[in-house]
Amino acid sequence: MAGQWGSNTLGSGQTAFFYFVRPVTSGFLPVISVLPLTPSFTNPGQMYALETLDSLSFPTVNQLGVTTIWSQLSDNGSNLIYYMGVMNFSNSTIQYAFVETDI
């Protein structure tokens, strides 16, 4: 079961970037995403658009989404640092929490 933490708010059309630090553990791969806590009040029928962010193009849905997770090994090799962005392509402000599980 995934763990859930935090309560964040993101306005319509906004993006927020986060990083998470985890100790290096053999066989550990975190899966981190977001869970909307409030409705977007946006028609889910408007499904696909192509967004461009710093010359990167990707498909989106007009709701809350996350970027690919990037990772980096700390200079001393003891921690992994995970970076991700949370994007709100809906027409409303959305409150959300992070969810994480290990595979």
Protein backbone atom coordinates (compact mmCIF):
# COMPACT_ATOMS: atom_id res chain seq x y z
CA MET A 1 0.00 0.00 0.00
CA ALA A 2 1.23 3.49 -0.81
CA GLY A 3 2.01 6.06 1.86
CA GLN A 4 0.36 9.46 1.55
CA TRP A 5 1.73 12.72 2.94
CA GLY A 6 1.41 16.48 2.65
CA SER A 7 -1.27 18.83 1.49
CA ASN A 8 -0.36 21.23 -1.31
CA THR A 9 -2.34 23.60 -3.51
CA LEU A 10 -1.58 24.41 -7.14
CA GLY A 11 -3.40 27.04 -9.20
CA SER A 12 -4.67 26.61 -12.73
CA GLY A 13 -1.80 26.54 -15.24
CA GLN A 14 0.88 26.41 -12.55
CA THR A 15 3.83 24.03 -12.10
CA ALA A 16 5.72 23.31 -8.88
CA PHE A 17 9.00 21.41 -8.62
CA PHE A 18 10.05 19.19 -5.70
CA TYR A 19 12.93 16.99 -4.68
CA PHE A 20 12.98 13.99 -2.35
CA VAL A 21 16.10 12.53 -0.70
CA ARG A 22 16.22 8.80 0.06
CA PRO A 23 19.13 6.74 1.41
CA VAL A 24 20.78 4.43 -1.11
CA THR A 25 19.27 0.96 -0.62
CA SER A 26 19.89 -2.04 -2.85
CA GLY A 27 16.76 -3.08 -4.73
CA PHE A 28 14.81 0.04 -3.71
CA LEU A 29 12.93 2.05 -6.32
CA PRO A 30 10.41 4.63 -5.09
CA VAL A 31 7.30 5.36 -7.13
CA ILE A 32 6.14 8.88 -6.29
CA SER A 33 3.03 10.57 -7.66
CA VAL A 34 0.21 12.87 -6.56
CA LEU A 35 -3.35 12.28 -5.45
CA PRO A 36 -5.93 15.06 -6.02
CA LEU A 37 -7.79 15.96 -2.82
CA THR A 38 -10.24 18.38 -4.45
CA PRO A 39 -12.04 18.14 -7.80
CA SER A 40 -10.75 20.07 -10.81
CA PHE A 41 -14.22 20.97 -12.12
CA THR A 42 -12.75 20.57 -15.62
CA ASN A 43 -14.47 18.55 -18.30
CA PRO A 44 -12.55 15.26 -18.54
CA GLY A 45 -13.72 14.98 -22.17
CA GLN A 46 -10.99 17.46 -23.20
CA MET A 47 -8.34 14.78 -23.16
CA TYR A 48 -5.17 15.39 -25.14
CA ALA A 49 -3.10 18.44 -25.84
CA LEU A 50 0.57 18.72 -26.70
CA GLU A 51 2.47 20.98 -24.31
CA THR A 52 5.97 22.33 -24.79
CA LEU A 53 8.14 23.03 -21.78
CA ASP A 54 11.68 24.22 -22.51
CA SER A 55 11.67 22.49 -25.91
CA LEU A 56 10.29 19.23 -24.50
CA SER A 57 6.95 18.16 -25.93
CA PHE A 58 4.64 15.71 -24.21
CA PRO A 59 0.96 14.76 -24.18
CA THR A 60 -1.16 16.06 -21.32
CA VAL A 61 -4.65 15.75 -19.96
CA ASN A 62 -6.35 18.89 -18.64
CA GLN A 63 -6.01 17.74 -15.05
CA LEU A 64 -3.28 17.36 -12.39
CA GLY A 65 -0.15 15.55 -13.59
CA VAL A 66 3.49 14.85 -12.80
CA THR A 67 6.66 14.94 -14.85
CA THR A 68 9.04 12.05 -15.25
CA ILE A 69 11.11 11.56 -12.10
CA TRP A 70 14.81 12.39 -12.52
CA SER A 71 17.41 11.03 -10.11
CA GLN A 72 20.90 11.93 -8.94
CA LEU A 73 23.40 10.20 -6.63
CA SER A 74 24.69 12.53 -3.90
CA ASP A 75 28.37 13.51 -3.95
CA ASN A 76 29.20 11.17 -1.07
CA GLY A 77 27.19 8.29 -2.60
CA SER A 78 24.93 7.79 0.43
CA ASN A 79 21.69 9.34 -0.89
CA LEU A 80 19.59 9.34 -4.03
CA ILE A 81 17.87 12.61 -4.85
CA TYR A 82 14.66 12.40 -6.90
CA TYR A 83 13.29 15.45 -8.75
CA MET A 84 9.79 15.87 -10.16
CA GLY A 85 7.35 18.53 -11.26
CA VAL A 86 3.63 18.71 -10.52
CA MET A 87 1.53 20.44 -13.18
CA ASN A 88 -2.06 21.65 -13.08
CA PHE A 89 -3.53 21.86 -16.59
CA SER A 90 -7.11 22.16 -15.29
CA ASN A 91 -9.17 25.36 -15.06
CA SER A 92 -9.28 25.29 -11.25
CA THR A 93 -6.99 25.36 -8.23
CA ILE A 94 -6.42 21.80 -6.99
CA GLN A 95 -5.35 20.59 -3.56
CA TYR A 96 -3.23 17.41 -3.65
CA ALA A 97 -1.08 15.07 -1.58
CA PHE A 98 1.98 13.02 -2.48
CA VAL A 99 1.77 9.23 -2.57
CA GLU A 100 4.76 6.87 -2.54
CA THR A 101 5.39 3.17 -2.66
CA ASP A 102 8.48 1.03 -3.22
CA ILE A 103 8.98 -1.59 -5.89
